[in-house]
Amino acid sequence: MVAPTRAAILERERRFAPVAAACALLAPVLIIGSLIGAGRLDLPASGVATEQLRAFDANEGALLVVVIVRSLGYLLLIPPMIHLYQATRARRPELPGAMLGFAIIGPVLFAIQTMLGYFSQADIASDFVARYAAGGDIYSLLDDLTDDSSIATAASSLILPAILGLGVAMIYYPLQAMRAGLLTRFFATLGMALGAATVLFATLTLLPDTLWFAWLGLIFIGRTPQPRPPAWDAAEAIPWPRPGEEPQKPAAAPAGAVEGDATEILAGDAADESDHSARRERARKRKRKRRR
């Protein structure tokens, strides 16, 4: 397989960078906007589960809009991750192409899990409200409805794969991009830290994750206050110096080489020639005196 030329790499990135940047900037708007929208519905975040279900049933239509917007926000994370990994792999061809799948696995599973979670809650809430008026043990009723919901089971089974998929991508992609010189050490390390935190505390890192992607989008189109790392325009890997690495010393001059610049050499040659001329002139004067 023929490796793409520098011009081909730059042309491909020039065409795809605006799309990836737009998605990276729009994703946090949708995800954070969905959180704000859900907060304005005045749903009880804690308390008795039965009260939460009744509130969910009363706001079912508005919550569907919130869930759709959030799912779209998750899906918009795919293009920037694909663009970052493709740019990295173009500069480091030894990277496995299979790792590109993590750019899709995490966001897609998050979007599916979000939608399934909504539909399972909507189904349970509507059944609970319909049977609540009949009386009886409402807590046993809630447990039975939850256990019998196959959608709720499917939604809960997708949480861990979704978290791991996104977490692996946010650790591996910034790491390799930093090694290729596409991301600075600070920004790449921040992305890796957020990826690890996503695996441990998925819901708590949602806001910083999306803001990291927004800044990544600005890097794609060169809109950050600092210039982009030179590896982007060079279309080749330019690794950063390792921490504590000393600058390379100049190579030693080969044996017999004359030190100094051309001016110093010419000046030295002229001085030597002048000295020889003066000695020859003195020798001629001594010979004339002896003849006399």
C-alpha atoms as a PDB file:
ATOM      1  CA  MET A   1       0.000   0.000   0.000  1.00  0.00           C
ATOM      2  CA  VAL A   2       1.427   3.349  -1.082  1.00  0.00           C
ATOM      3  CA  ALA A   3       1.744   5.899   1.703  1.00  0.00           C
ATOM      4  CA  PRO A   4      -0.111   9.160   1.052  1.00  0.00           C
ATOM      5  CA  THR A   5       1.999  12.121   0.067  1.00  0.00           C
ATOM      6  CA  ARG A   6       2.385  15.223   2.209  1.00  0.00           C
ATOM      7  CA  ALA A   7       0.115  17.168  -0.159  1.00  0.00           C
ATOM      8  CA  ALA A   8      -2.569  14.474   0.027  1.00  0.00           C
ATOM      9  CA  ILE A   9      -2.486  14.433   3.829  1.00  0.00           C
ATOM     10  CA  LEU A  10      -2.760  18.212   4.081  1.00  0.00           C
ATOM     11  CA  GLU A  11      -5.559  18.361   1.502  1.00  0.00           C
ATOM     12  CA  ARG A  12      -7.597  15.695   3.289  1.00  0.00           C
ATOM     13  CA  GLU A  13      -7.181  17.433   6.649  1.00  0.00           C
ATOM     14  CA  ARG A  14      -8.010  20.809   5.122  1.00  0.00           C
ATOM     15  CA  ARG A  15     -11.342  19.461   3.833  1.00  0.00           C
ATOM     16  CA  PHE A  16     -12.338  17.550   6.958  1.00  0.00           C
ATOM     17  CA  ALA A  17     -11.043  19.933   9.649  1.00  0.00           C
ATOM     18  CA  PRO A  18     -13.966  22.439   9.441  1.00  0.00           C
ATOM     19  CA  VAL A  19     -16.525  19.620   9.756  1.00  0.00           C
ATOM     20  CA  ALA A  20     -14.717  18.045  12.710  1.00  0.00           C
ATOM     21  CA  ALA A  21     -14.297  21.439  14.373  1.00  0.00           C
ATOM     22  CA  ALA A  22     -17.979  22.330  13.927  1.00  0.00           C
ATOM     23  CA  CYS A  23     -19.032  19.028  15.491  1.00  0.00           C
ATOM     24  CA  ALA A  24     -16.571  19.454  18.369  1.00  0.00           C
ATOM     25  CA  LEU A  25     -17.911  22.938  19.111  1.00  0.00           C
ATOM     26  CA  LEU A  26     -21.573  22.005  18.730  1.00  0.00           C
ATOM     27  CA  ALA A  27     -21.417  18.832  20.857  1.00  0.00           C
ATOM     28  CA  PRO A  28     -20.925  20.645  24.200  1.00  0.00           C
ATOM     29  CA  VAL A  29     -23.667  23.110  23.289  1.00  0.00           C
ATOM     30  CA  LEU A  30     -26.152  20.271  22.848  1.00  0.00           C
ATOM     31  CA  ILE A  31     -25.023  18.194  25.817  1.00  0.00           C
ATOM     32  CA  ILE A  32     -24.805  21.092  28.259  1.00  0.00           C
ATOM     33  CA  GLY A  33     -28.021  22.549  26.834  1.00  0.00           C
ATOM     34  CA  SER A  34     -29.808  19.261  27.501  1.00  0.00           C
ATOM     35  CA  LEU A  35     -28.627  19.326  31.105  1.00  0.00           C
ATOM     36  CA  ILE A  36     -29.894  22.876  31.525  1.00  0.00           C
ATOM     37  CA  GLY A  37     -33.201  21.952  29.872  1.00  0.00           C
ATOM     38  CA  ALA A  38     -33.667  18.970  32.176  1.00  0.00           C
ATOM     39  CA  GLY A  39     -32.927  21.170  35.183  1.00  0.00           C
ATOM     40  CA  ARG A  40     -35.621  23.639  34.198  1.00  0.00           C
ATOM     41  CA  LEU A  41     -38.273  20.929  34.214  1.00  0.00           C
ATOM     42  CA  ASP A  42     -38.100  20.911  38.012  1.00  0.00           C
ATOM     43  CA  LEU A  43     -37.886  17.143  38.247  1.00  0.00           C
ATOM     44  CA  PRO A  44     -37.008  15.733  41.668  1.00  0.00           C
ATOM     45  CA  ALA A  45     -33.360  14.651  41.519  1.00  0.00           C
ATOM     46  CA  SER A  46     -33.691  12.729  44.772  1.00  0.00           C
ATOM     47  CA  GLY A  47     -36.382  11.499  47.084  1.00  0.00           C
ATOM     48  CA  VAL A  48     -39.021   8.810  46.769  1.00  0.00           C
ATOM     49  CA  ALA A  49     -38.790   6.903  43.471  1.00  0.00           C
ATOM     50  CA  THR A  50     -42.566   6.889  43.136  1.00  0.00           C
ATOM     51  CA  GLU A  51     -42.644  10.694  43.116  1.00  0.00           C
ATOM     52  CA  GLN A  52     -39.927  10.775  40.478  1.00  0.00           C
ATOM     53  CA  LEU A  53     -41.924   8.468  38.225  1.00  0.00           C
ATOM     54  CA  ARG A  54     -45.030  10.614  38.497  1.00  0.00           C
ATOM     55  CA  ALA A  55     -42.994  13.722  37.644  1.00  0.00           C
ATOM     56  CA  PHE A  56     -41.418  11.865  34.710  1.00  0.00           C
ATOM     57  CA  ASP A  57     -44.826  10.880  33.376  1.00  0.00           C
ATOM     58  CA  ALA A  58     -46.044  14.467  33.628  1.00  0.00           C
ATOM     59  CA  ASN A  59     -43.056  15.807  31.634  1.00  0.00           C
ATOM     60  CA  GLU A  60     -42.638  12.922  29.217  1.00  0.00           C
ATOM     61  CA  GLY A  61     -42.790  15.016  26.024  1.00  0.00           C
ATOM     62  CA  ALA A  62     -40.295  17.632  27.189  1.00  0.00           C
ATOM     63  CA  LEU A  63     -37.922  14.954  28.429  1.00  0.00           C
ATOM     64  CA  LEU A  64     -37.979  13.265  25.025  1.00  0.00           C
ATOM     65  CA  VAL A  65     -36.684  16.477  23.435  1.00  0.00           C
ATOM     66  CA  VAL A  66     -33.951  16.708  26.078  1.00  0.00           C
ATOM     67  CA  VAL A  67     -32.889  13.099  25.486  1.00  0.00           C
ATOM     68  CA  ILE A  68     -32.791  13.502  21.693  1.00  0.00           C
ATOM     69  CA  VAL A  69     -30.658  16.633  21.971  1.00  0.00           C
ATOM     70  CA  ARG A  70     -28.242  14.921  24.368  1.00  0.00           C
ATOM     71  CA  SER A  71     -27.963  11.844  22.152  1.00  0.00           C
ATOM     72  CA  LEU A  72     -27.129  14.022  19.153  1.00  0.00           C
ATOM     73  CA  GLY A  73     -24.469  15.714  21.260  1.00  0.00           C
ATOM     74  CA  TYR A  74     -22.874  12.346  21.966  1.00  0.00           C
ATOM     75  CA  LEU A  75     -22.888  11.418  18.283  1.00  0.00           C
ATOM     76  CA  LEU A  76     -21.198  14.700  17.365  1.00  0.00           C
ATOM     77  CA  LEU A  77     -18.122  13.570  19.303  1.00  0.00           C
ATOM     78  CA  ILE A  78     -17.399  10.997  16.584  1.00  0.00           C
ATOM     79  CA  PRO A  79     -16.061  13.276  13.775  1.00  0.00           C
ATOM     80  CA  PRO A  80     -13.474  15.117  15.920  1.00  0.00           C
ATOM     81  CA  MET A  81     -12.133  11.848  17.337  1.00  0.00           C
ATOM     82  CA  ILE A  82     -11.905  10.332  13.850  1.00  0.00           C
ATOM     83  CA  HIS A  83     -10.120  13.412  12.537  1.00  0.00           C
ATOM     84  CA  LEU A  84      -7.630  13.417  15.407  1.00  0.00           C
ATOM     85  CA  TYR A  85      -6.769   9.743  15.053  1.00  0.00           C
ATOM     86  CA  GLN A  86      -6.524   9.846  11.265  1.00  0.00           C
ATOM     87  CA  ALA A  87      -4.186  12.836  11.475  1.00  0.00           C
ATOM     88  CA  THR A  88      -2.104  11.004  14.063  1.00  0.00           C
ATOM     89  CA  ARG A  89      -1.965   7.798  12.036  1.00  0.00           C
ATOM     90  CA  ALA A  90      -0.952   9.723   8.912  1.00  0.00           C
ATOM     91  CA  ARG A  91       2.147  10.832  10.822  1.00  0.00           C
ATOM     92  CA  ARG A  92       2.640   7.506  12.629  1.00  0.00           C
ATOM     93  CA  PRO A  93       1.583   4.782  10.172  1.00  0.00           C
ATOM     94  CA  GLU A  94       2.526   2.031  12.619  1.00  0.00           C
ATOM     95  CA  LEU A  95      -0.591   2.747  14.712  1.00  0.00           C
ATOM     96  CA  PRO A  96      -3.341   0.101  14.346  1.00  0.00           C
ATOM     97  CA  GLY A  97      -6.315   1.088  12.250  1.00  0.00           C
ATOM     98  CA  ALA A  98      -8.615  -0.996  14.448  1.00  0.00           C
ATOM     99  CA  MET A  99      -8.272   1.566  17.253  1.00  0.00           C
ATOM    100  CA  LEU A 100     -10.337   3.948  15.137  1.00  0.00           C
ATOM    101  CA  GLY A 101     -13.384   1.930  16.160  1.00  0.00           C
ATOM    102  CA  PHE A 102     -13.287   3.379  19.660  1.00  0.00           C
ATOM    103  CA  ALA A 103     -14.151   6.782  18.158  1.00  0.00           C
ATOM    104  CA  ILE A 104     -17.526   5.272  17.244  1.00  0.00           C
ATOM    105  CA  ILE A 105     -18.175   2.703  19.969  1.00  0.00           C
ATOM    106  CA  GLY A 106     -18.303   5.046  22.954  1.00  0.00           C
ATOM    107  CA  PRO A 107     -20.493   7.865  21.564  1.00  0.00           C
ATOM    108  CA  VAL A 108     -22.880   5.500  19.773  1.00  0.00           C
ATOM    109  CA  LEU A 109     -23.396   3.349  22.866  1.00  0.00           C
ATOM    110  CA  PHE A 110     -23.912   6.468  24.996  1.00  0.00           C
ATOM    111  CA  ALA A 111     -26.561   7.726  22.571  1.00  0.00           C
ATOM    112  CA  ILE A 112     -28.323   4.343  22.439  1.00  0.00           C
ATOM    113  CA  GLN A 113     -28.163   3.925  26.210  1.00  0.00           C
ATOM    114  CA  THR A 114     -29.622   7.406  26.722  1.00  0.00           C
ATOM    115  CA  MET A 115     -32.540   6.721  24.397  1.00  0.00           C
ATOM    116  CA  LEU A 116     -33.224   3.255  25.854  1.00  0.00           C
ATOM    117  CA  GLY A 117     -33.062   4.697  29.365  1.00  0.00           C
ATOM    118  CA  TYR A 118     -35.708   7.242  28.429  1.00  0.00           C
ATOM    119  CA  PHE A 119     -38.067   4.728  26.839  1.00  0.00           C
ATOM    120  CA  SER A 120     -37.707   2.309  29.749  1.00  0.00           C
ATOM    121  CA  GLN A 121     -38.461   5.057  32.260  1.00  0.00           C
ATOM    122  CA  ALA A 122     -41.394   6.308  30.175  1.00  0.00           C
ATOM    123  CA  ASP A 123     -42.852   2.803  29.973  1.00  0.00           C
ATOM    124  CA  ILE A 124     -42.406   2.169  33.699  1.00  0.00           C
ATOM    125  CA  ALA A 125     -43.764   5.599  34.633  1.00  0.00           C
ATOM    126  CA  SER A 126     -46.902   5.282  32.512  1.00  0.00           C
ATOM    127  CA  ASP A 127     -47.681   1.797  33.879  1.00  0.00           C
ATOM    128  CA  PHE A 128     -47.022   2.920  37.433  1.00  0.00           C
ATOM    129  CA  VAL A 129     -49.295   5.950  37.185  1.00  0.00           C
ATOM    130  CA  ALA A 130     -52.045   3.832  35.609  1.00  0.00           C
ATOM    131  CA  ARG A 131     -51.923   1.237  38.412  1.00  0.00           C
ATOM    132  CA  TYR A 132     -51.122   3.639  41.254  1.00  0.00           C
ATOM    133  CA  ALA A 133     -54.766   4.665  41.744  1.00  0.00           C
ATOM    134  CA  ALA A 134     -55.815   1.044  42.287  1.00  0.00           C
ATOM    135  CA  GLY A 135     -53.972   1.049  45.634  1.00  0.00           C
ATOM    136  CA  GLY A 136     -51.918  -1.742  47.085  1.00  0.00           C
ATOM    137  CA  ASP A 137     -48.188  -1.900  47.786  1.00  0.00           C
ATOM    138  CA  ILE A 138     -46.819   0.721  45.424  1.00  0.00           C
ATOM    139  CA  TYR A 139     -43.183  -0.187  46.159  1.00  0.00           C
ATOM    140  CA  SER A 140     -43.721  -3.817  45.202  1.00  0.00           C
ATOM    141  CA  LEU A 141     -45.482  -2.559  42.091  1.00  0.00           C
ATOM    142  CA  LEU A 142     -42.473  -0.402  41.222  1.00  0.00           C
ATOM    143  CA  ASP A 143     -40.055  -3.285  41.718  1.00  0.00           C
ATOM    144  CA  ASP A 144     -42.144  -5.586  39.562  1.00  0.00           C
ATOM    145  CA  LEU A 145     -42.404  -3.067  36.740  1.00  0.00           C
ATOM    146  CA  THR A 146     -38.637  -2.459  36.815  1.00  0.00           C
ATOM    147  CA  ASP A 147     -37.770  -6.153  36.853  1.00  0.00           C
ATOM    148  CA  ASP A 148     -40.161  -6.904  33.994  1.00  0.00           C
ATOM    149  CA  SER A 149     -38.798  -4.142  31.737  1.00  0.00           C
ATOM    150  CA  SER A 150     -36.493  -5.662  29.119  1.00  0.00           C
ATOM    151  CA  ILE A 151     -35.686  -2.168  27.823  1.00  0.00           C
ATOM    152  CA  ALA A 152     -34.397  -1.144  31.256  1.00  0.00           C
ATOM    153  CA  THR A 153     -32.219  -4.259  31.355  1.00  0.00           C
ATOM    154  CA  ALA A 154     -30.774  -3.478  27.918  1.00  0.00           C
ATOM    155  CA  ALA A 155     -30.128   0.150  28.875  1.00  0.00           C
ATOM    156  CA  SER A 156     -28.304  -0.783  32.068  1.00  0.00           C
ATOM    157  CA  SER A 157     -26.161  -3.352  30.218  1.00  0.00           C
ATOM    158  CA  LEU A 158     -24.857  -0.670  27.829  1.00  0.00           C
ATOM    159  CA  ILE A 159     -23.574   1.718  30.491  1.00  0.00           C
ATOM    160  CA  LEU A 160     -20.249  -0.006  31.145  1.00  0.00           C
ATOM    161  CA  PRO A 161     -19.303  -0.629  27.459  1.00  0.00           C
ATOM    162  CA  ALA A 162     -20.190   2.981  26.618  1.00  0.00           C
ATOM    163  CA  ILE A 163     -18.034   4.342  29.440  1.00  0.00           C
ATOM    164  CA  LEU A 164     -15.098   2.082  28.559  1.00  0.00           C
ATOM    165  CA  GLY A 165     -15.345   2.897  24.855  1.00  0.00           C
ATOM    166  CA  LEU A 166     -15.241   6.647  25.377  1.00  0.00           C
ATOM    167  CA  GLY A 167     -12.644   6.379  28.143  1.00  0.00           C
ATOM    168  CA  VAL A 168     -10.244   4.300  26.024  1.00  0.00           C
ATOM    169  CA  ALA A 169     -10.548   6.716  23.103  1.00  0.00           C
ATOM    170  CA  MET A 170      -9.888   9.748  25.314  1.00  0.00           C
ATOM    171  CA  ILE A 171      -6.790   8.103  26.769  1.00  0.00           C
ATOM    172  CA  TYR A 172      -5.296   6.515  23.652  1.00  0.00           C
ATOM    173  CA  TYR A 173      -5.957   9.227  21.063  1.00  0.00           C
ATOM    174  CA  PRO A 174      -4.424  12.182  22.970  1.00  0.00           C
ATOM    175  CA  LEU A 175      -1.449  10.020  23.959  1.00  0.00           C
ATOM    176  CA  GLN A 176      -0.606   9.088  20.380  1.00  0.00           C
ATOM    177  CA  ALA A 177      -1.364  12.603  19.109  1.00  0.00           C
ATOM    178  CA  MET A 178       1.100  13.997  21.645  1.00  0.00           C
ATOM    179  CA  ARG A 179       3.760  11.532  20.515  1.00  0.00           C
ATOM    180  CA  ALA A 180       3.213  12.672  16.943  1.00  0.00           C
ATOM    181  CA  GLY A 181       3.485  16.324  18.022  1.00  0.00           C
ATOM    182  CA  LEU A 182      -0.126  17.230  17.182  1.00  0.00           C
ATOM    183  CA  LEU A 183      -1.150  18.089  20.760  1.00  0.00           C
ATOM    184  CA  THR A 184       0.878  19.779  23.462  1.00  0.00           C
ATOM    185  CA  ARG A 185       1.888  17.790  26.510  1.00  0.00           C
ATOM    186  CA  PHE A 186      -0.457  19.755  28.761  1.00  0.00           C
ATOM    187  CA  PHE A 187      -3.546  19.439  26.569  1.00  0.00           C
ATOM    188  CA  ALA A 188      -2.933  15.773  25.792  1.00  0.00           C
ATOM    189  CA  THR A 189      -2.331  14.962  29.457  1.00  0.00           C
ATOM    190  CA  LEU A 190      -5.544  16.775  30.366  1.00  0.00           C
ATOM    191  CA  GLY A 191      -7.453  14.691  27.830  1.00  0.00           C
ATOM    192  CA  MET A 192      -5.957  11.457  29.171  1.00  0.00           C
ATOM    193  CA  ALA A 193      -6.828  12.462  32.732  1.00  0.00           C
ATOM    194  CA  LEU A 194     -10.407  13.182  31.689  1.00  0.00           C
ATOM    195  CA  GLY A 195     -10.548   9.826  29.916  1.00  0.00           C
ATOM    196  CA  ALA A 196      -9.458   8.013  33.063  1.00  0.00           C
ATOM    197  CA  ALA A 197     -11.944  10.029  35.118  1.00  0.00           C
ATOM    198  CA  THR A 198     -14.679   9.116  32.633  1.00  0.00           C
ATOM    199  CA  VAL A 199     -14.114   5.438  33.377  1.00  0.00           C
ATOM    200  CA  LEU A 200     -14.318   6.070  37.128  1.00  0.00           C
ATOM    201  CA  PHE A 201     -16.843   8.916  37.364  1.00  0.00           C
ATOM    202  CA  ALA A 202     -18.729   9.052  34.068  1.00  0.00           C
ATOM    203  CA  THR A 203     -21.446  11.543  34.994  1.00  0.00           C
ATOM    204  CA  LEU A 204     -19.127  13.896  36.891  1.00  0.00           C
ATOM    205  CA  THR A 205     -16.764  14.457  33.944  1.00  0.00           C
ATOM    206  CA  LEU A 206     -19.432  15.154  31.333  1.00  0.00           C
ATOM    207  CA  LEU A 207     -18.952  18.925  31.389  1.00  0.00           C
ATOM    208  CA  PRO A 208     -15.110  19.008  31.302  1.00  0.00           C
ATOM    209  CA  ASP A 209     -15.081  16.303  28.615  1.00  0.00           C
ATOM    210  CA  THR A 210     -17.218  18.385  26.290  1.00  0.00           C
ATOM    211  CA  LEU A 211     -15.187  21.530  26.948  1.00  0.00           C
ATOM    212  CA  TRP A 212     -12.013  19.602  26.083  1.00  0.00           C
ATOM    213  CA  PHE A 213     -13.549  18.653  22.750  1.00  0.00           C
ATOM    214  CA  ALA A 214     -14.510  22.270  22.108  1.00  0.00           C
ATOM    215  CA  TRP A 215     -10.886  23.373  22.514  1.00  0.00           C
ATOM    216  CA  LEU A 216      -9.797  20.477  20.281  1.00  0.00           C
ATOM    217  CA  GLY A 217     -12.083  21.834  17.589  1.00  0.00           C
ATOM    218  CA  LEU A 218     -10.376  25.215  17.819  1.00  0.00           C
ATOM    219  CA  ILE A 219      -7.019  23.477  17.359  1.00  0.00           C
ATOM    220  CA  PHE A 220      -8.278  21.829  14.184  1.00  0.00           C
ATOM    221  CA  ILE A 221      -8.965  25.193  12.541  1.00  0.00           C
ATOM    222  CA  GLY A 222      -6.097  27.094  14.158  1.00  0.00           C
ATOM    223  CA  ARG A 223      -8.229  29.426  16.276  1.00  0.00           C
ATOM    224  CA  THR A 224      -6.409  28.996  19.592  1.00  0.00           C
ATOM    225  CA  PRO A 225      -4.354  31.859  21.073  1.00  0.00           C
ATOM    226  CA  GLN A 226      -1.163  29.853  20.558  1.00  0.00           C
ATOM    227  CA  PRO A 227      -0.074  28.639  17.113  1.00  0.00           C
ATOM    228  CA  ARG A 228      -0.811  25.043  16.262  1.00  0.00           C
ATOM    229  CA  PRO A 229       2.012  22.570  16.835  1.00  0.00           C
ATOM    230  CA  PRO A 230       4.244  22.399  13.728  1.00  0.00           C
ATOM    231  CA  ALA A 231       3.424  18.728  13.087  1.00  0.00           C
ATOM    232  CA  TRP A 232       0.059  19.777  11.632  1.00  0.00           C
ATOM    233  CA  ASP A 233       1.542  21.788   8.757  1.00  0.00           C
ATOM    234  CA  ALA A 234       4.568  19.531   8.316  1.00  0.00           C
ATOM    235  CA  ALA A 235       2.368  16.446   7.756  1.00  0.00           C
ATOM    236  CA  GLU A 236       4.931  14.386   9.637  1.00  0.00           C
ATOM    237  CA  ALA A 237       5.587  13.451  13.240  1.00  0.00           C
ATOM    238  CA  ILE A 238       7.572  16.017  15.218  1.00  0.00           C
ATOM    239  CA  PRO A 239       7.802  14.523  18.730  1.00  0.00           C
ATOM    240  CA  TRP A 240       8.203  16.833  21.694  1.00  0.00           C
ATOM    241  CA  PRO A 241      11.489  16.639  23.649  1.00  0.00           C
ATOM    242  CA  ARG A 242      11.186  14.366  26.638  1.00  0.00           C
ATOM    243  CA  PRO A 243      11.029  15.996  30.076  1.00  0.00           C
ATOM    244  CA  GLY A 244      14.569  16.575  31.361  1.00  0.00           C
ATOM    245  CA  GLU A 245      16.159  15.770  28.019  1.00  0.00           C
ATOM    246  CA  GLU A 246      19.300  17.834  27.418  1.00  0.00           C
ATOM    247  CA  PRO A 247      19.786  19.625  24.109  1.00  0.00           C
ATOM    248  CA  GLN A 248      22.015  17.767  21.704  1.00  0.00           C
ATOM    249  CA  LYS A 249      25.655  18.845  21.753  1.00  0.00           C
ATOM    250  CA  PRO A 250      27.275  19.927  18.482  1.00  0.00           C
ATOM    251  CA  ALA A 251      29.265  17.190  16.776  1.00  0.00           C
ATOM    252  CA  ALA A 252      33.017  17.214  17.441  1.00  0.00           C
ATOM    253  CA  ALA A 253      35.175  18.619  14.683  1.00  0.00           C
ATOM    254  CA  PRO A 254      37.047  15.928  12.681  1.00  0.00           C
ATOM    255  CA  ALA A 255      40.721  15.420  13.223  1.00  0.00           C
ATOM    256  CA  GLY A 256      42.903  17.881  11.293  1.00  0.00           C
ATOM    257  CA  ALA A 257      40.079  20.342  10.843  1.00  0.00           C
ATOM    258  CA  VAL A 258      40.916  24.011  11.261  1.00  0.00           C
ATOM    259  CA  GLU A 259      38.741  25.869  13.796  1.00  0.00           C
ATOM    260  CA  GLY A 260      37.577  29.402  13.229  1.00  0.00           C
ATOM    261  CA  ASP A 261      35.618  31.107  10.503  1.00  0.00           C
ATOM    262  CA  ALA A 262      36.831  32.053   7.032  1.00  0.00           C
ATOM    263  CA  THR A 263      37.744  35.593   8.047  1.00  0.00           C
ATOM    264  CA  GLU A 264      40.003  34.398  10.836  1.00  0.00           C
ATOM    265  CA  ILE A 265      41.705  31.884   8.536  1.00  0.00           C
ATOM    266  CA  LEU A 266      42.344  34.434   5.800  1.00  0.00           C
ATOM    267  CA  ALA A 267      43.627  36.950   8.322  1.00  0.00           C
ATOM    268  CA  GLY A 268      46.003  34.353   9.772  1.00  0.00           C
ATOM    269  CA  ASP A 269      47.297  33.430   6.336  1.00  0.00           C
ATOM    270  CA  ALA A 270      47.912  37.066   5.481  1.00  0.00           C
ATOM    271  CA  ALA A 271      49.796  37.621   8.736  1.00  0.00           C
ATOM    272  CA  ASP A 272      52.000  34.569   8.132  1.00  0.00           C
ATOM    273  CA  GLU A 273      52.778  35.721   4.589  1.00  0.00           C
ATOM    274  CA  SER A 274      53.690  39.209   5.838  1.00  0.00           C
ATOM    275  CA  ASP A 275      56.003  37.750   8.490  1.00  0.00           C
ATOM    276  CA  HIS A 276      57.826  35.586   5.929  1.00  0.00           C
ATOM    277  CA  SER A 277      58.293  38.559   3.629  1.00  0.00           C
ATOM    278  CA  ALA A 278      59.797  40.632   6.444  1.00  0.00           C
ATOM    279  CA  ARG A 279      62.281  37.861   7.310  1.00  0.00           C
ATOM    280  CA  ARG A 280      63.386  37.517   3.684  1.00  0.00           C
ATOM    281  CA  GLU A 281      63.948  41.249   3.406  1.00  0.00           C
ATOM    282  CA  ARG A 282      66.110  41.276   6.547  1.00  0.00           C
ATOM    283  CA  ALA A 283      68.142  38.371   5.199  1.00  0.00           C
ATOM    284  CA  ARG A 284      68.867  40.250   1.940  1.00  0.00           C
ATOM    285  CA  LYS A 285      70.076  43.340   3.863  1.00  0.00           C
ATOM    286  CA  ARG A 286      72.507  41.236   5.923  1.00  0.00           C
ATOM    287  CA  LYS A 287      73.971  39.683   2.770  1.00  0.00           C
ATOM    288  CA  ARG A 288      74.588  43.127   1.217  1.00  0.00           C
ATOM    289  CA  LYS A 289      76.456  44.338   4.328  1.00  0.00           C
ATOM    290  CA  ARG A 290      78.750  41.307   4.269  1.00  0.00           C
ATOM    291  CA  ARG A 291      79.681  41.888   0.609  1.00  0.00           C
ATOM    292  CA  ARG A 292      80.697  45.445   1.375  1.00  0.00           C
END
